[in-house]
Amino acid sequence: MFNRTPMADGVGIGDPEFDEEVKEFEDKLVASPTLGFRVDKTNIQGELENVQATIERYYNNLKTGAFDDAYYQEFLDQLETAGIDKAIEEIQNQLDTFSSENN
């Protein structure tokens, strides 16, 4: 259920029209097929740590836009060196297995 806190001087919980709109909305909700999925980091812990360190090293310049194409390419190359492709592949395999077993 989502937050139904009323706005000041607005309708909220207990208002029949509001409650009906909320019920209609909630009746249409569908759980994500990935609900309950958790990544097992065992086989990729080192890669995830390396990727995180790489992101942290480049984050400020990327966040502020203080970079050029060469800097961005360097960042992408460093992510590859850190093992991002292996991490993505492992997580995708886990997600595929989860999906086939749960959906």
C-alpha atoms as a PDB file:
ATOM      1  CA  MET A   1       0.000   0.000   0.000  1.00  0.00           C
ATOM      2  CA  PHE A   2       1.238   3.479  -0.740  1.00  0.00           C
ATOM      3  CA  ASN A   3       1.252   6.511   1.523  1.00  0.00           C
ATOM      4  CA  ARG A   4      -2.280   7.877   1.936  1.00  0.00           C
ATOM      5  CA  THR A   5      -1.422  10.775   4.207  1.00  0.00           C
ATOM      6  CA  PRO A   6      -3.825  13.630   3.366  1.00  0.00           C
ATOM      7  CA  MET A   7      -2.571  17.040   2.360  1.00  0.00           C
ATOM      8  CA  ALA A   8      -3.549  20.020   4.511  1.00  0.00           C
ATOM      9  CA  ASP A   9      -7.191  20.896   3.831  1.00  0.00           C
ATOM     10  CA  GLY A  10      -7.358  17.990   1.384  1.00  0.00           C
ATOM     11  CA  VAL A  11      -9.197  14.740   1.260  1.00  0.00           C
ATOM     12  CA  GLY A  12      -7.687  11.629   2.680  1.00  0.00           C
ATOM     13  CA  ILE A  13      -8.403   8.409   4.508  1.00  0.00           C
ATOM     14  CA  GLY A  14     -12.041   8.265   5.422  1.00  0.00           C
ATOM     15  CA  ASP A  15     -13.238  10.325   2.466  1.00  0.00           C
ATOM     16  CA  PRO A  16     -15.416   7.907   0.434  1.00  0.00           C
ATOM     17  CA  GLU A  17     -14.356   9.264  -2.971  1.00  0.00           C
ATOM     18  CA  PHE A  18     -10.670   9.169  -2.066  1.00  0.00           C
ATOM     19  CA  ASP A  19     -10.926   5.685  -0.575  1.00  0.00           C
ATOM     20  CA  GLU A  20     -12.695   4.406  -3.706  1.00  0.00           C
ATOM     21  CA  GLU A  21      -9.986   5.869  -5.971  1.00  0.00           C
ATOM     22  CA  VAL A  22      -7.307   4.274  -3.815  1.00  0.00           C
ATOM     23  CA  LYS A  23      -9.081   0.903  -3.895  1.00  0.00           C
ATOM     24  CA  GLU A  24      -9.400   1.047  -7.696  1.00  0.00           C
ATOM     25  CA  PHE A  25      -5.716   1.921  -7.985  1.00  0.00           C
ATOM     26  CA  GLU A  26      -4.615  -0.823  -5.606  1.00  0.00           C
ATOM     27  CA  ASP A  27      -6.773  -3.409  -7.381  1.00  0.00           C
ATOM     28  CA  LYS A  28      -4.778  -2.757 -10.582  1.00  0.00           C
ATOM     29  CA  LEU A  29      -1.376  -3.214  -8.982  1.00  0.00           C
ATOM     30  CA  VAL A  30       0.690  -6.170 -10.158  1.00  0.00           C
ATOM     31  CA  ALA A  31       3.686  -7.505  -8.277  1.00  0.00           C
ATOM     32  CA  SER A  32       6.990  -7.242 -10.112  1.00  0.00           C
ATOM     33  CA  PRO A  33       8.165 -10.598 -11.469  1.00  0.00           C
ATOM     34  CA  THR A  34      11.494  -9.937  -9.732  1.00  0.00           C
ATOM     35  CA  LEU A  35       9.889  -9.464  -6.308  1.00  0.00           C
ATOM     36  CA  GLY A  36      11.907 -11.537  -3.853  1.00  0.00           C
ATOM     37  CA  PHE A  37      15.031 -11.779  -6.018  1.00  0.00           C
ATOM     38  CA  ARG A  38      18.291 -11.353  -4.154  1.00  0.00           C
ATOM     39  CA  VAL A  39      21.747 -11.317  -5.692  1.00  0.00           C
ATOM     40  CA  ASP A  40      24.143 -13.929  -4.342  1.00  0.00           C
ATOM     41  CA  LYS A  41      27.399 -11.971  -4.342  1.00  0.00           C
ATOM     42  CA  THR A  42      29.588 -14.949  -3.433  1.00  0.00           C
ATOM     43  CA  ASN A  43      31.102 -15.483  -6.895  1.00  0.00           C
ATOM     44  CA  ILE A  44      31.445 -11.790  -7.771  1.00  0.00           C
ATOM     45  CA  GLN A  45      32.295 -10.053  -4.498  1.00  0.00           C
ATOM     46  CA  GLY A  46      35.705  -8.907  -5.736  1.00  0.00           C
ATOM     47  CA  GLU A  47      34.289  -7.583  -8.995  1.00  0.00           C
ATOM     48  CA  LEU A  48      31.519  -5.697  -7.192  1.00  0.00           C
ATOM     49  CA  GLU A  49      34.045  -4.089  -4.850  1.00  0.00           C
ATOM     50  CA  ASN A  50      36.258  -3.100  -7.799  1.00  0.00           C
ATOM     51  CA  VAL A  51      33.298  -1.665  -9.714  1.00  0.00           C
ATOM     52  CA  GLN A  52      32.189   0.336  -6.670  1.00  0.00           C
ATOM     53  CA  ALA A  53      35.700   1.718  -6.183  1.00  0.00           C
ATOM     54  CA  THR A  54      35.840   2.702  -9.863  1.00  0.00           C
ATOM     55  CA  ILE A  55      32.487   4.475  -9.658  1.00  0.00           C
ATOM     56  CA  GLU A  56      33.585   6.338  -6.545  1.00  0.00           C
ATOM     57  CA  ARG A  57      36.809   7.437  -8.265  1.00  0.00           C
ATOM     58  CA  TYR A  58      34.967   8.942 -11.248  1.00  0.00           C
ATOM     59  CA  TYR A  59      31.688   9.933  -9.574  1.00  0.00           C
ATOM     60  CA  ASN A  60      32.212  13.634  -8.861  1.00  0.00           C
ATOM     61  CA  ASN A  61      33.272  14.542 -12.390  1.00  0.00           C
ATOM     62  CA  LEU A  62      30.529  12.422 -13.940  1.00  0.00           C
ATOM     63  CA  LYS A  63      27.904  13.872 -11.600  1.00  0.00           C
ATOM     64  CA  THR A  64      28.819  17.462 -12.412  1.00  0.00           C
ATOM     65  CA  GLY A  65      29.422  16.945 -16.118  1.00  0.00           C
ATOM     66  CA  ALA A  66      33.043  18.015 -15.752  1.00  0.00           C
ATOM     67  CA  PHE A  67      34.409  15.562 -18.302  1.00  0.00           C
ATOM     68  CA  ASP A  68      34.923  15.013 -21.992  1.00  0.00           C
ATOM     69  CA  ASP A  69      34.373  11.975 -24.212  1.00  0.00           C
ATOM     70  CA  ALA A  70      37.862  10.636 -23.518  1.00  0.00           C
ATOM     71  CA  TYR A  71      37.292  10.784 -19.749  1.00  0.00           C
ATOM     72  CA  TYR A  72      33.956   8.991 -20.103  1.00  0.00           C
ATOM     73  CA  GLN A  73      35.545   6.301 -22.259  1.00  0.00           C
ATOM     74  CA  GLU A  74      38.304   5.924 -19.661  1.00  0.00           C
ATOM     75  CA  PHE A  75      35.610   5.395 -17.025  1.00  0.00           C
ATOM     76  CA  LEU A  76      33.914   2.711 -19.129  1.00  0.00           C
ATOM     77  CA  ASP A  77      37.258   1.016 -19.780  1.00  0.00           C
ATOM     78  CA  GLN A  78      38.033   1.032 -16.052  1.00  0.00           C
ATOM     79  CA  LEU A  79      34.637  -0.539 -15.311  1.00  0.00           C
ATOM     80  CA  GLU A  80      35.486  -3.341 -17.733  1.00  0.00           C
ATOM     81  CA  THR A  81      38.864  -3.806 -16.062  1.00  0.00           C
ATOM     82  CA  ALA A  82      37.125  -3.877 -12.681  1.00  0.00           C
ATOM     83  CA  GLY A  83      34.979  -6.795 -13.830  1.00  0.00           C
ATOM     84  CA  ILE A  84      31.599  -5.247 -14.529  1.00  0.00           C
ATOM     85  CA  ASP A  85      30.897  -7.617 -17.423  1.00  0.00           C
ATOM     86  CA  LYS A  86      31.420 -10.680 -15.220  1.00  0.00           C
ATOM     87  CA  ALA A  87      29.192  -9.167 -12.526  1.00  0.00           C
ATOM     88  CA  ILE A  88      26.419  -8.386 -15.018  1.00  0.00           C
ATOM     89  CA  GLU A  89      26.599 -11.868 -16.525  1.00  0.00           C
ATOM     90  CA  GLU A  90      26.440 -13.556 -13.109  1.00  0.00           C
ATOM     91  CA  ILE A  91      23.538 -11.412 -11.919  1.00  0.00           C
ATOM     92  CA  GLN A  92      21.653 -11.980 -15.176  1.00  0.00           C
ATOM     93  CA  ASN A  93      22.156 -15.752 -14.843  1.00  0.00           C
ATOM     94  CA  GLN A  94      20.834 -15.639 -11.284  1.00  0.00           C
ATOM     95  CA  LEU A  95      17.836 -13.561 -12.376  1.00  0.00           C
ATOM     96  CA  ASP A  96      17.087 -15.928 -15.260  1.00  0.00           C
ATOM     97  CA  THR A  97      17.191 -18.904 -12.878  1.00  0.00           C
ATOM     98  CA  PHE A  98      14.969 -17.092 -10.379  1.00  0.00           C
ATOM     99  CA  SER A  99      12.483 -16.175 -13.103  1.00  0.00           C
ATOM    100  CA  SER A 100      12.279 -19.714 -14.478  1.00  0.00           C
ATOM    101  CA  GLU A 101      11.690 -21.113 -10.984  1.00  0.00           C
ATOM    102  CA  ASN A 102       9.193 -18.489  -9.775  1.00  0.00           C
ATOM    103  CA  ASN A 103       7.133 -17.275 -12.706  1.00  0.00           C
END
